[in-house]
Amino acid sequence: MADLLLGSEPWNRVRIPKAGSLSAVMVQNPSATLHLWIAGVIKECHLVTVSLKSRALDAETDVLCAVLYSNHNRMGRHKSHLALKQVEQCLKRLKNMNLAGSIQDLFELFFPSKNQPVNTSVVPGQPVVELVLMKVLGACKLLLRLLDCCCKTFLWTVKHLGLQEFIILNLVIVGLVSRLWVLYKGVFKRLILFYETLFGLLQEVSRIQPMPYFKDFTFPSDITEFLGQPFFEVFKKEIPTDFAARGITKWLNKLFLISEQSPKAIEETLLGISKNDEQMKINTQNNEDLGQPVKKKKVFKEKSSEFDVRAFCNQLKHKATQMRKLRHRKAKKVGQAT
């Protein structure tokens, strides 16, 4: 049934159906090797759960969503913004996998109650172990994609910084993807150790009571071979340094490494920044930006002078009346003379 639902690549599924068989198996006279594997799985389950539920990861994810939401209109077509959206999609897919929930269910099988110690005579069944292993494989593949998207976003954002546009936003994105890359690289390493430990437990459980869930899929003994070339690129790839030749590093050092310079260099840098600010003020005064709000200018009422407009109008009206009477008298005299 699992083969029909999951297909040839079950690790690539977001939601893997749970097995309908027993979740635990009773073991009589457990061996010392089984005790070691159970202790290792319990330890790794705790460490992986802490890594996946870290507050730092939640905080960085919230910052990522806020940056994408607030800059969608003006940055929607930039390559750095599109690459950052791919990072968000990887994080959403990782959350929908519910890997932490499956690991927590596996962890609780070792503790029948809170006050009792670990019961090594009851171990998780093979379907439960295979389900968690399959999710770990999918999460490792997804984290490789996430790390690659973080690298692409970093490179595109640094290129955009070379244009000296959206400087603050680009610096925020550079710091954001750098922190995500470091944090999720640590989660990725922890998942690899967890897979190796859980795979050892799978060998013991399948020997005690074979009950495979993924019949047409063979779990790899070496997860690094399963991940392939992307795994070696993440841990052995050198950081590109071709941006230093373009002057970006020197330009950023002028902004953020002033404290490490000599006093003379500090004065020269501050003088250059002040001159640039004055030039920018002149340019902004000469060039009106229609996208900026226009401040209302205060209108000061002038004091009224002694000149009265109404008196002037009355004088003109009186003068016009006199002129009209004068013309009427002249016309009357001409009429009497004829």
C-alpha atoms as a PDB file:
ATOM      1  CA  MET A   1       0.000   0.000   0.000  1.00  0.00           C
ATOM      2  CA  ALA A   2       2.832   2.348   0.822  1.00  0.00           C
ATOM      3  CA  ASP A   3       4.347   1.755  -2.620  1.00  0.00           C
ATOM      4  CA  LEU A   4       1.165   2.845  -4.374  1.00  0.00           C
ATOM      5  CA  LEU A   5       0.811   5.971  -2.266  1.00  0.00           C
ATOM      6  CA  LEU A   6       4.425   7.121  -2.236  1.00  0.00           C
ATOM      7  CA  GLY A   7       5.820   6.159  -5.623  1.00  0.00           C
ATOM      8  CA  SER A   8       9.477   5.614  -6.532  1.00  0.00           C
ATOM      9  CA  GLU A   9      10.790   8.475  -4.350  1.00  0.00           C
ATOM     10  CA  PRO A  10       8.935   8.294  -1.026  1.00  0.00           C
ATOM     11  CA  TRP A  11      11.428  10.642   0.660  1.00  0.00           C
ATOM     12  CA  ASN A  12      10.245  13.433  -1.674  1.00  0.00           C
ATOM     13  CA  ARG A  13       6.706  13.404  -0.261  1.00  0.00           C
ATOM     14  CA  VAL A  14       5.586  16.154   2.083  1.00  0.00           C
ATOM     15  CA  ARG A  15       3.101  13.938   3.936  1.00  0.00           C
ATOM     16  CA  ILE A  16       3.918  10.266   4.333  1.00  0.00           C
ATOM     17  CA  PRO A  17       1.013   8.115   5.620  1.00  0.00           C
ATOM     18  CA  LYS A  18       1.552   6.366   8.913  1.00  0.00           C
ATOM     19  CA  ALA A  19       1.718   2.608   9.110  1.00  0.00           C
ATOM     20  CA  GLY A  20      -1.356   0.781  10.325  1.00  0.00           C
ATOM     21  CA  SER A  21       0.601  -1.834  12.242  1.00  0.00           C
ATOM     22  CA  LEU A  22       1.746  -2.030  15.851  1.00  0.00           C
ATOM     23  CA  SER A  23       3.994   0.839  16.914  1.00  0.00           C
ATOM     24  CA  ALA A  24       5.955  -1.121  19.541  1.00  0.00           C
ATOM     25  CA  VAL A  25       7.530  -4.565  19.768  1.00  0.00           C
ATOM     26  CA  MET A  26       8.195  -6.614  22.907  1.00  0.00           C
ATOM     27  CA  VAL A  27      11.765  -7.898  23.200  1.00  0.00           C
ATOM     28  CA  GLN A  28      12.804 -10.738  25.471  1.00  0.00           C
ATOM     29  CA  ASN A  29      16.361 -10.665  26.783  1.00  0.00           C
ATOM     30  CA  PRO A  30      17.541  -7.516  24.920  1.00  0.00           C
ATOM     31  CA  SER A  31      21.215  -7.524  23.991  1.00  0.00           C
ATOM     32  CA  ALA A  32      23.829  -4.995  25.022  1.00  0.00           C
ATOM     33  CA  THR A  33      24.031  -3.711  21.447  1.00  0.00           C
ATOM     34  CA  LEU A  34      20.333  -2.930  21.487  1.00  0.00           C
ATOM     35  CA  HIS A  35      20.796  -1.009  24.752  1.00  0.00           C
ATOM     36  CA  LEU A  36      23.513   1.126  23.127  1.00  0.00           C
ATOM     37  CA  TRP A  37      21.448   1.898  20.039  1.00  0.00           C
ATOM     38  CA  ILE A  38      18.410   2.831  22.136  1.00  0.00           C
ATOM     39  CA  ALA A  39      20.488   5.170  24.323  1.00  0.00           C
ATOM     40  CA  GLY A  40      21.980   6.808  21.227  1.00  0.00           C
ATOM     41  CA  VAL A  41      18.567   7.261  19.568  1.00  0.00           C
ATOM     42  CA  ILE A  42      17.088   8.821  22.712  1.00  0.00           C
ATOM     43  CA  LYS A  43      19.979  11.285  22.928  1.00  0.00           C
ATOM     44  CA  GLU A  44      19.805  12.215  19.242  1.00  0.00           C
ATOM     45  CA  CYS A  45      16.009  12.585  19.355  1.00  0.00           C
ATOM     46  CA  HIS A  46      16.363  15.172  22.108  1.00  0.00           C
ATOM     47  CA  LEU A  47      19.128  17.077  20.326  1.00  0.00           C
ATOM     48  CA  VAL A  48      17.339  17.131  16.962  1.00  0.00           C
ATOM     49  CA  THR A  49      14.078  18.286  18.565  1.00  0.00           C
ATOM     50  CA  VAL A  50      15.906  21.130  20.327  1.00  0.00           C
ATOM     51  CA  SER A  51      17.560  22.157  17.049  1.00  0.00           C
ATOM     52  CA  LEU A  52      14.313  22.127  15.060  1.00  0.00           C
ATOM     53  CA  LYS A  53      12.390  24.056  17.725  1.00  0.00           C
ATOM     54  CA  SER A  54      15.061  26.676  18.289  1.00  0.00           C
ATOM     55  CA  ARG A  55      13.864  30.210  18.960  1.00  0.00           C
ATOM     56  CA  ALA A  56      16.595  31.562  16.716  1.00  0.00           C
ATOM     57  CA  LEU A  57      15.144  29.683  13.743  1.00  0.00           C
ATOM     58  CA  ASP A  58      11.658  30.995  14.483  1.00  0.00           C
ATOM     59  CA  ALA A  59      12.945  34.553  14.805  1.00  0.00           C
ATOM     60  CA  GLU A  60      14.855  34.401  11.517  1.00  0.00           C
ATOM     61  CA  THR A  61      11.833  32.902   9.756  1.00  0.00           C
ATOM     62  CA  ASP A  62       9.639  35.755  11.022  1.00  0.00           C
ATOM     63  CA  VAL A  63      12.173  38.311   9.767  1.00  0.00           C
ATOM     64  CA  LEU A  64      12.256  36.578   6.386  1.00  0.00           C
ATOM     65  CA  CYS A  65       8.467  36.688   6.024  1.00  0.00           C
ATOM     66  CA  ALA A  66       8.383  40.349   7.081  1.00  0.00           C
ATOM     67  CA  VAL A  67      11.062  41.346   4.549  1.00  0.00           C
ATOM     68  CA  LEU A  68       9.278  39.549   1.710  1.00  0.00           C
ATOM     69  CA  TYR A  69       5.896  40.997   2.629  1.00  0.00           C
ATOM     70  CA  SER A  70       7.015  44.607   3.044  1.00  0.00           C
ATOM     71  CA  ASN A  71       9.139  44.716  -0.131  1.00  0.00           C
ATOM     72  CA  HIS A  72       6.983  42.689  -2.516  1.00  0.00           C
ATOM     73  CA  ASN A  73       5.812  45.658  -4.595  1.00  0.00           C
ATOM     74  CA  ARG A  74       9.132  47.385  -5.219  1.00  0.00           C
ATOM     75  CA  MET A  75      11.405  44.304  -5.214  1.00  0.00           C
ATOM     76  CA  GLY A  76       9.102  41.685  -6.703  1.00  0.00           C
ATOM     77  CA  ARG A  77      11.060  41.342  -9.952  1.00  0.00           C
ATOM     78  CA  HIS A  78      14.589  41.478  -8.540  1.00  0.00           C
ATOM     79  CA  LYS A  79      16.531  38.223  -8.699  1.00  0.00           C
ATOM     80  CA  SER A  80      17.613  38.517  -5.083  1.00  0.00           C
ATOM     81  CA  HIS A  81      13.972  38.823  -4.004  1.00  0.00           C
ATOM     82  CA  LEU A  82      12.932  35.823  -6.108  1.00  0.00           C
ATOM     83  CA  ALA A  83      15.765  33.745  -4.654  1.00  0.00           C
ATOM     84  CA  LEU A  84      14.683  34.782  -1.147  1.00  0.00           C
ATOM     85  CA  LYS A  85      11.158  33.557  -1.927  1.00  0.00           C
ATOM     86  CA  GLN A  86      12.624  30.148  -2.774  1.00  0.00           C
ATOM     87  CA  VAL A  87      14.217  30.100   0.681  1.00  0.00           C
ATOM     88  CA  GLU A  88      10.785  30.780   2.180  1.00  0.00           C
ATOM     89  CA  GLN A  89       9.238  27.954   0.148  1.00  0.00           C
ATOM     90  CA  CYS A  90      11.858  25.513   1.438  1.00  0.00           C
ATOM     91  CA  LEU A  91      11.123  26.563   5.017  1.00  0.00           C
ATOM     92  CA  LYS A  92       7.379  26.121   4.510  1.00  0.00           C
ATOM     93  CA  ARG A  93       7.878  22.661   3.031  1.00  0.00           C
ATOM     94  CA  LEU A  94      10.123  21.681   5.930  1.00  0.00           C
ATOM     95  CA  LYS A  95       7.449  22.804   8.378  1.00  0.00           C
ATOM     96  CA  ASN A  96       4.713  20.879   6.557  1.00  0.00           C
ATOM     97  CA  MET A  97       6.748  17.667   6.792  1.00  0.00           C
ATOM     98  CA  ASN A  98       6.181  17.679  10.569  1.00  0.00           C
ATOM     99  CA  LEU A  99       9.541  16.035  11.150  1.00  0.00           C
ATOM    100  CA  ALA A 100       9.677  17.267  14.741  1.00  0.00           C
ATOM    101  CA  GLY A 101       6.302  15.673  15.478  1.00  0.00           C
ATOM    102  CA  SER A 102       7.382  12.272  14.114  1.00  0.00           C
ATOM    103  CA  ILE A 103      10.617  12.381  16.127  1.00  0.00           C
ATOM    104  CA  GLN A 104       8.650  13.306  19.246  1.00  0.00           C
ATOM    105  CA  ASP A 105       6.332  10.322  18.733  1.00  0.00           C
ATOM    106  CA  LEU A 106       9.356   8.049  18.406  1.00  0.00           C
ATOM    107  CA  PHE A 107      10.889   9.548  21.543  1.00  0.00           C
ATOM    108  CA  GLU A 108       7.743   8.955  23.584  1.00  0.00           C
ATOM    109  CA  LEU A 109       7.676   5.252  22.700  1.00  0.00           C
ATOM    110  CA  PHE A 110      10.723   4.701  24.905  1.00  0.00           C
ATOM    111  CA  PHE A 111       8.974   6.209  27.948  1.00  0.00           C
ATOM    112  CA  PRO A 112       5.672   4.499  28.798  1.00  0.00           C
ATOM    113  CA  SER A 113       5.095   7.118  31.515  1.00  0.00           C
ATOM    114  CA  LYS A 114       6.813  10.259  32.716  1.00  0.00           C
ATOM    115  CA  ASN A 115       7.899   8.883  36.094  1.00  0.00           C
ATOM    116  CA  GLN A 116       9.258   5.533  34.850  1.00  0.00           C
ATOM    117  CA  PRO A 117      12.741   4.963  33.374  1.00  0.00           C
ATOM    118  CA  VAL A 118      13.457   3.783  29.861  1.00  0.00           C
ATOM    119  CA  ASN A 119      12.009   0.354  29.129  1.00  0.00           C
ATOM    120  CA  THR A 120      14.431  -1.441  26.788  1.00  0.00           C
ATOM    121  CA  SER A 121      12.171  -4.486  26.543  1.00  0.00           C
ATOM    122  CA  VAL A 122       9.750  -2.407  24.419  1.00  0.00           C
ATOM    123  CA  VAL A 123      11.207  -0.952  21.226  1.00  0.00           C
ATOM    124  CA  PRO A 124       9.554   0.874  18.312  1.00  0.00           C
ATOM    125  CA  GLY A 125       8.346  -1.314  15.468  1.00  0.00           C
ATOM    126  CA  GLN A 126      10.089  -1.394  12.116  1.00  0.00           C
ATOM    127  CA  PRO A 127       7.347   0.656  10.333  1.00  0.00           C
ATOM    128  CA  VAL A 128       7.725   3.483  12.870  1.00  0.00           C
ATOM    129  CA  VAL A 129      11.509   3.552  12.551  1.00  0.00           C
ATOM    130  CA  GLU A 130      11.348   3.438   8.741  1.00  0.00           C
ATOM    131  CA  LEU A 131       8.838   6.276   8.687  1.00  0.00           C
ATOM    132  CA  VAL A 132      11.146   8.545  10.706  1.00  0.00           C
ATOM    133  CA  LEU A 133      14.154   7.514   8.612  1.00  0.00           C
ATOM    134  CA  MET A 134      12.295   8.370   5.415  1.00  0.00           C
ATOM    135  CA  LYS A 135      11.398  11.795   6.743  1.00  0.00           C
ATOM    136  CA  VAL A 136      15.002  12.393   7.755  1.00  0.00           C
ATOM    137  CA  LEU A 137      16.146  11.551   4.215  1.00  0.00           C
ATOM    138  CA  GLY A 138      13.619  13.982   2.750  1.00  0.00           C
ATOM    139  CA  ALA A 139      14.578  16.686   5.242  1.00  0.00           C
ATOM    140  CA  CYS A 140      18.279  16.300   4.382  1.00  0.00           C
ATOM    141  CA  LYS A 141      17.536  16.654   0.670  1.00  0.00           C
ATOM    142  CA  LEU A 142      15.382  19.699   1.399  1.00  0.00           C
ATOM    143  CA  LEU A 143      18.032  21.300   3.605  1.00  0.00           C
ATOM    144  CA  LEU A 144      20.582  20.929   0.819  1.00  0.00           C
ATOM    145  CA  ARG A 145      18.194  22.835  -1.430  1.00  0.00           C
ATOM    146  CA  LEU A 146      17.658  25.440   1.295  1.00  0.00           C
ATOM    147  CA  LEU A 147      21.398  26.004   1.742  1.00  0.00           C
ATOM    148  CA  ASP A 148      21.839  26.336  -2.020  1.00  0.00           C
ATOM    149  CA  CYS A 149      19.044  28.941  -2.206  1.00  0.00           C
ATOM    150  CA  CYS A 150      20.664  30.884   0.635  1.00  0.00           C
ATOM    151  CA  CYS A 151      23.949  30.961  -1.294  1.00  0.00           C
ATOM    152  CA  LYS A 152      22.222  32.165  -4.470  1.00  0.00           C
ATOM    153  CA  THR A 153      20.360  34.861  -2.564  1.00  0.00           C
ATOM    154  CA  PHE A 154      23.603  36.005  -0.961  1.00  0.00           C
ATOM    155  CA  LEU A 155      25.392  36.272  -4.329  1.00  0.00           C
ATOM    156  CA  TRP A 156      22.552  38.153  -6.048  1.00  0.00           C
ATOM    157  CA  THR A 157      22.201  40.549  -3.115  1.00  0.00           C
ATOM    158  CA  VAL A 158      25.926  41.325  -3.062  1.00  0.00           C
ATOM    159  CA  LYS A 159      25.773  42.059  -6.793  1.00  0.00           C
ATOM    160  CA  HIS A 160      22.879  44.431  -6.127  1.00  0.00           C
ATOM    161  CA  LEU A 161      24.917  46.095  -3.376  1.00  0.00           C
ATOM    162  CA  GLY A 162      27.523  46.962  -6.005  1.00  0.00           C
ATOM    163  CA  LEU A 163      24.943  49.267  -7.613  1.00  0.00           C
ATOM    164  CA  GLN A 164      24.539  51.117  -4.276  1.00  0.00           C
ATOM    165  CA  GLU A 165      20.748  50.762  -4.425  1.00  0.00           C
ATOM    166  CA  PHE A 166      18.520  49.756  -1.477  1.00  0.00           C
ATOM    167  CA  ILE A 167      21.640  49.577   0.688  1.00  0.00           C
ATOM    168  CA  ILE A 168      19.908  48.994   4.037  1.00  0.00           C
ATOM    169  CA  LEU A 169      17.523  46.387   2.622  1.00  0.00           C
ATOM    170  CA  ASN A 170      20.301  44.493   0.873  1.00  0.00           C
ATOM    171  CA  LEU A 171      22.438  44.478   4.007  1.00  0.00           C
ATOM    172  CA  VAL A 172      19.493  43.094   5.985  1.00  0.00           C
ATOM    173  CA  ILE A 173      19.006  40.326   3.395  1.00  0.00           C
ATOM    174  CA  VAL A 174      22.733  39.478   3.368  1.00  0.00           C
ATOM    175  CA  GLY A 175      22.771  39.113   7.144  1.00  0.00           C
ATOM    176  CA  LEU A 176      19.490  37.175   7.135  1.00  0.00           C
ATOM    177  CA  VAL A 177      20.501  34.513   4.612  1.00  0.00           C
ATOM    178  CA  SER A 178      23.935  34.217   6.245  1.00  0.00           C
ATOM    179  CA  ARG A 179      22.375  33.435   9.620  1.00  0.00           C
ATOM    180  CA  LEU A 180      19.883  31.007   8.050  1.00  0.00           C
ATOM    181  CA  TRP A 181      22.725  29.226   6.259  1.00  0.00           C
ATOM    182  CA  VAL A 182      24.731  28.820   9.470  1.00  0.00           C
ATOM    183  CA  LEU A 183      21.743  27.721  11.604  1.00  0.00           C
ATOM    184  CA  TYR A 184      20.340  25.199   9.154  1.00  0.00           C
ATOM    185  CA  LYS A 185      23.777  23.827   8.397  1.00  0.00           C
ATOM    186  CA  GLY A 186      23.952  22.902  12.081  1.00  0.00           C
ATOM    187  CA  VAL A 187      20.503  21.266  11.860  1.00  0.00           C
ATOM    188  CA  PHE A 188      21.672  19.388   8.760  1.00  0.00           C
ATOM    189  CA  LYS A 189      24.723  17.970  10.584  1.00  0.00           C
ATOM    190  CA  ARG A 190      22.526  16.920  13.499  1.00  0.00           C
ATOM    191  CA  LEU A 191      20.120  15.089  11.172  1.00  0.00           C
ATOM    192  CA  ILE A 192      22.995  13.161   9.580  1.00  0.00           C
ATOM    193  CA  LEU A 193      24.151  11.914  13.012  1.00  0.00           C
ATOM    194  CA  PHE A 194      20.555  11.074  13.920  1.00  0.00           C
ATOM    195  CA  TYR A 195      20.118   9.038  10.723  1.00  0.00           C
ATOM    196  CA  GLU A 196      23.266   6.994  11.382  1.00  0.00           C
ATOM    197  CA  THR A 197      22.120   6.167  14.920  1.00  0.00           C
ATOM    198  CA  LEU A 198      18.545   5.378  13.927  1.00  0.00           C
ATOM    199  CA  PHE A 199      19.708   3.210  11.035  1.00  0.00           C
ATOM    200  CA  GLY A 200      21.636   1.053  13.527  1.00  0.00           C
ATOM    201  CA  LEU A 201      18.453   0.642  15.587  1.00  0.00           C
ATOM    202  CA  LEU A 202      16.575  -0.322  12.415  1.00  0.00           C
ATOM    203  CA  GLN A 203      18.977  -3.196  11.806  1.00  0.00           C
ATOM    204  CA  GLU A 204      18.347  -4.558  15.300  1.00  0.00           C
ATOM    205  CA  VAL A 205      14.552  -4.137  15.100  1.00  0.00           C
ATOM    206  CA  SER A 206      14.318  -5.761  11.664  1.00  0.00           C
ATOM    207  CA  ARG A 207      16.307  -8.726  12.988  1.00  0.00           C
ATOM    208  CA  ILE A 208      14.006  -9.139  16.015  1.00  0.00           C
ATOM    209  CA  GLN A 209      10.701  -8.830  14.126  1.00  0.00           C
ATOM    210  CA  PRO A 210      10.908  -8.105  10.375  1.00  0.00           C
ATOM    211  CA  MET A 211       7.966  -6.006   9.270  1.00  0.00           C
ATOM    212  CA  PRO A 212       9.092  -3.663   6.434  1.00  0.00           C
ATOM    213  CA  TYR A 213       6.900  -0.717   5.491  1.00  0.00           C
ATOM    214  CA  PHE A 214       8.730   0.502   2.352  1.00  0.00           C
ATOM    215  CA  LYS A 215       9.230  -2.755   0.473  1.00  0.00           C
ATOM    216  CA  ASP A 216      10.668  -1.385  -2.787  1.00  0.00           C
ATOM    217  CA  PHE A 217      13.045   1.060  -1.105  1.00  0.00           C
ATOM    218  CA  THR A 218      16.371   0.195   0.469  1.00  0.00           C
ATOM    219  CA  PHE A 219      17.605   2.594   3.111  1.00  0.00           C
ATOM    220  CA  PRO A 220      21.223   3.617   2.426  1.00  0.00           C
ATOM    221  CA  SER A 221      23.777   2.700   5.032  1.00  0.00           C
ATOM    222  CA  ASP A 222      25.835   5.798   4.161  1.00  0.00           C
ATOM    223  CA  ILE A 223      23.664   8.879   3.895  1.00  0.00           C
ATOM    224  CA  THR A 224      26.441  10.961   2.337  1.00  0.00           C
ATOM    225  CA  GLU A 225      26.466   8.703  -0.725  1.00  0.00           C
ATOM    226  CA  PHE A 226      22.684   9.024  -0.955  1.00  0.00           C
ATOM    227  CA  LEU A 227      22.878  12.838  -0.863  1.00  0.00           C
ATOM    228  CA  GLY A 228      25.548  12.835  -3.545  1.00  0.00           C
ATOM    229  CA  GLN A 229      27.561  15.744  -4.893  1.00  0.00           C
ATOM    230  CA  PRO A 230      25.454  18.567  -3.307  1.00  0.00           C
ATOM    231  CA  PHE A 231      26.523  17.340   0.139  1.00  0.00           C
ATOM    232  CA  PHE A 232      30.231  17.653  -0.700  1.00  0.00           C
ATOM    233  CA  GLU A 233      29.672  21.061  -2.306  1.00  0.00           C
ATOM    234  CA  VAL A 234      28.128  22.424   0.893  1.00  0.00           C
ATOM    235  CA  PHE A 235      30.952  21.292   3.171  1.00  0.00           C
ATOM    236  CA  LYS A 236      33.922  21.645   0.806  1.00  0.00           C
ATOM    237  CA  LYS A 237      32.965  24.470  -1.519  1.00  0.00           C
ATOM    238  CA  GLU A 238      35.074  27.618  -1.151  1.00  0.00           C
ATOM    239  CA  ILE A 239      33.451  31.005  -0.719  1.00  0.00           C
ATOM    240  CA  PRO A 240      33.638  33.037  -3.955  1.00  0.00           C
ATOM    241  CA  THR A 241      35.986  36.029  -3.746  1.00  0.00           C
ATOM    242  CA  ASP A 242      35.380  37.619  -7.144  1.00  0.00           C
ATOM    243  CA  PHE A 243      33.384  40.453  -5.561  1.00  0.00           C
ATOM    244  CA  ALA A 244      36.415  41.909  -3.800  1.00  0.00           C
ATOM    245  CA  ALA A 245      37.838  43.025  -7.129  1.00  0.00           C
ATOM    246  CA  ARG A 246      34.743  45.083  -7.840  1.00  0.00           C
ATOM    247  CA  GLY A 247      35.320  47.391  -4.890  1.00  0.00           C
ATOM    248  CA  ILE A 248      32.351  46.214  -2.844  1.00  0.00           C
ATOM    249  CA  THR A 249      34.493  45.072   0.084  1.00  0.00           C
ATOM    250  CA  LYS A 250      36.364  48.374   0.161  1.00  0.00           C
ATOM    251  CA  TRP A 251      33.120  50.328  -0.025  1.00  0.00           C
ATOM    252  CA  LEU A 252      31.546  48.333   2.838  1.00  0.00           C
ATOM    253  CA  ASN A 253      34.666  48.762   4.953  1.00  0.00           C
ATOM    254  CA  LYS A 254      34.299  52.537   4.670  1.00  0.00           C
ATOM    255  CA  LEU A 255      30.805  52.236   6.117  1.00  0.00           C
ATOM    256  CA  PHE A 256      31.298  49.716   8.912  1.00  0.00           C
ATOM    257  CA  LEU A 257      34.983  49.456   9.805  1.00  0.00           C
ATOM    258  CA  ILE A 258      35.641  53.056  10.846  1.00  0.00           C
ATOM    259  CA  SER A 259      36.518  52.045  14.420  1.00  0.00           C
ATOM    260  CA  GLU A 260      39.443  49.917  13.219  1.00  0.00           C
ATOM    261  CA  GLN A 261      41.042  52.716  11.214  1.00  0.00           C
ATOM    262  CA  SER A 262      43.600  55.278  12.303  1.00  0.00           C
ATOM    263  CA  PRO A 263      42.421  58.689  13.566  1.00  0.00           C
ATOM    264  CA  LYS A 264      43.549  60.366  10.363  1.00  0.00           C
ATOM    265  CA  ALA A 265      41.661  57.858   8.245  1.00  0.00           C
ATOM    266  CA  ILE A 266      38.578  58.343  10.434  1.00  0.00           C
ATOM    267  CA  GLU A 267      38.659  62.109   9.871  1.00  0.00           C
ATOM    268  CA  GLU A 268      39.062  61.651   6.112  1.00  0.00           C
ATOM    269  CA  THR A 269      36.208  59.150   5.990  1.00  0.00           C
ATOM    270  CA  LEU A 270      33.884  61.358   8.023  1.00  0.00           C
ATOM    271  CA  LEU A 271      34.795  64.362   5.865  1.00  0.00           C
ATOM    272  CA  GLY A 272      34.037  62.402   2.729  1.00  0.00           C
ATOM    273  CA  ILE A 273      30.697  61.231   4.142  1.00  0.00           C
ATOM    274  CA  SER A 274      29.741  64.805   5.115  1.00  0.00           C
ATOM    275  CA  LYS A 275      30.620  66.075   1.624  1.00  0.00           C
ATOM    276  CA  ASN A 276      28.522  63.335   0.084  1.00  0.00           C
ATOM    277  CA  ASP A 277      25.618  64.270   2.365  1.00  0.00           C
ATOM    278  CA  GLU A 278      25.851  67.933   1.335  1.00  0.00           C
ATOM    279  CA  GLN A 279      25.963  66.981  -2.335  1.00  0.00           C
ATOM    280  CA  MET A 280      22.936  64.741  -1.873  1.00  0.00           C
ATOM    281  CA  LYS A 281      21.051  67.595  -0.198  1.00  0.00           C
ATOM    282  CA  ILE A 282      21.833  69.875  -3.127  1.00  0.00           C
ATOM    283  CA  ASN A 283      20.712  67.242  -5.606  1.00  0.00           C
ATOM    284  CA  THR A 284      17.482  66.587  -3.739  1.00  0.00           C
ATOM    285  CA  GLN A 285      16.716  70.293  -3.655  1.00  0.00           C
ATOM    286  CA  ASN A 286      17.268  70.661  -7.393  1.00  0.00           C
ATOM    287  CA  ASN A 287      15.474  67.469  -8.396  1.00  0.00           C
ATOM    288  CA  GLU A 288      11.914  67.178  -7.170  1.00  0.00           C
ATOM    289  CA  ASP A 289      10.792  63.632  -6.453  1.00  0.00           C
ATOM    290  CA  LEU A 290       7.103  63.178  -7.218  1.00  0.00           C
ATOM    291  CA  GLY A 291       6.976  60.078  -5.043  1.00  0.00           C
ATOM    292  CA  GLN A 292       7.810  61.955  -1.837  1.00  0.00           C
ATOM    293  CA  PRO A 293       5.165  63.736   0.234  1.00  0.00           C
ATOM    294  CA  VAL A 294       5.152  67.524  -0.174  1.00  0.00           C
ATOM    295  CA  LYS A 295       5.348  69.517   3.019  1.00  0.00           C
ATOM    296  CA  LYS A 296       2.866  72.354   3.332  1.00  0.00           C
ATOM    297  CA  LYS A 297       4.466  75.731   3.481  1.00  0.00           C
ATOM    298  CA  LYS A 298       3.313  78.068   6.203  1.00  0.00           C
ATOM    299  CA  VAL A 299       1.663  81.238   4.910  1.00  0.00           C
ATOM    300  CA  PHE A 300       2.238  84.259   7.092  1.00  0.00           C
ATOM    301  CA  LYS A 301      -0.410  86.956   6.890  1.00  0.00           C
ATOM    302  CA  GLU A 302       1.032  90.371   6.204  1.00  0.00           C
ATOM    303  CA  LYS A 303      -0.004  93.317   8.229  1.00  0.00           C
ATOM    304  CA  SER A 304      -2.711  95.412   6.559  1.00  0.00           C
ATOM    305  CA  SER A 305      -1.479  98.737   5.237  1.00  0.00           C
ATOM    306  CA  GLU A 306      -3.229 102.057   5.611  1.00  0.00           C
ATOM    307  CA  PHE A 307      -4.439 101.874   2.021  1.00  0.00           C
ATOM    308  CA  ASP A 308      -8.161 101.034   1.917  1.00  0.00           C
ATOM    309  CA  VAL A 309      -9.329  99.319  -1.255  1.00  0.00           C
ATOM    310  CA  ARG A 310     -12.987 100.099  -0.596  1.00  0.00           C
ATOM    311  CA  ALA A 311     -12.292 103.806  -0.359  1.00  0.00           C
ATOM    312  CA  PHE A 312     -10.401 103.625  -3.650  1.00  0.00           C
ATOM    313  CA  CYS A 313     -13.338 101.869  -5.343  1.00  0.00           C
ATOM    314  CA  ASN A 314     -15.789 104.475  -3.983  1.00  0.00           C
ATOM    315  CA  GLN A 315     -13.635 107.248  -5.396  1.00  0.00           C
ATOM    316  CA  LEU A 316     -13.572 105.625  -8.825  1.00  0.00           C
ATOM    317  CA  LYS A 317     -17.322 105.142  -8.700  1.00  0.00           C
ATOM    318  CA  HIS A 318     -17.900 108.806  -7.736  1.00  0.00           C
ATOM    319  CA  LYS A 319     -15.573 109.970 -10.509  1.00  0.00           C
ATOM    320  CA  ALA A 320     -17.387 107.837 -13.102  1.00  0.00           C
ATOM    321  CA  THR A 321     -20.734 109.296 -12.027  1.00  0.00           C
ATOM    322  CA  GLN A 322     -19.440 112.838 -12.433  1.00  0.00           C
ATOM    323  CA  MET A 323     -18.060 112.065 -15.891  1.00  0.00           C
ATOM    324  CA  ARG A 324     -21.387 110.560 -16.959  1.00  0.00           C
ATOM    325  CA  LYS A 325     -23.294 113.694 -15.765  1.00  0.00           C
ATOM    326  CA  LEU A 326     -20.839 115.944 -17.585  1.00  0.00           C
ATOM    327  CA  ARG A 327     -21.321 114.077 -20.874  1.00  0.00           C
ATOM    328  CA  HIS A 328     -25.094 114.246 -20.426  1.00  0.00           C
ATOM    329  CA  ARG A 329     -24.983 118.071 -19.951  1.00  0.00           C
ATOM    330  CA  LYS A 330     -22.836 118.540 -23.062  1.00  0.00           C
ATOM    331  CA  ALA A 331     -25.194 116.447 -25.136  1.00  0.00           C
ATOM    332  CA  LYS A 332     -28.167 118.456 -23.874  1.00  0.00           C
ATOM    333  CA  LYS A 333     -26.540 121.790 -24.802  1.00  0.00           C
ATOM    334  CA  VAL A 334     -25.755 120.547 -28.300  1.00  0.00           C
ATOM    335  CA  GLY A 335     -29.362 119.499 -28.748  1.00  0.00           C
ATOM    336  CA  GLN A 336     -30.711 122.906 -27.680  1.00  0.00           C
ATOM    337  CA  ALA A 337     -28.312 124.727 -30.050  1.00  0.00           C
ATOM    338  CA  THR A 338     -29.565 122.756 -33.050  1.00  0.00           C
END
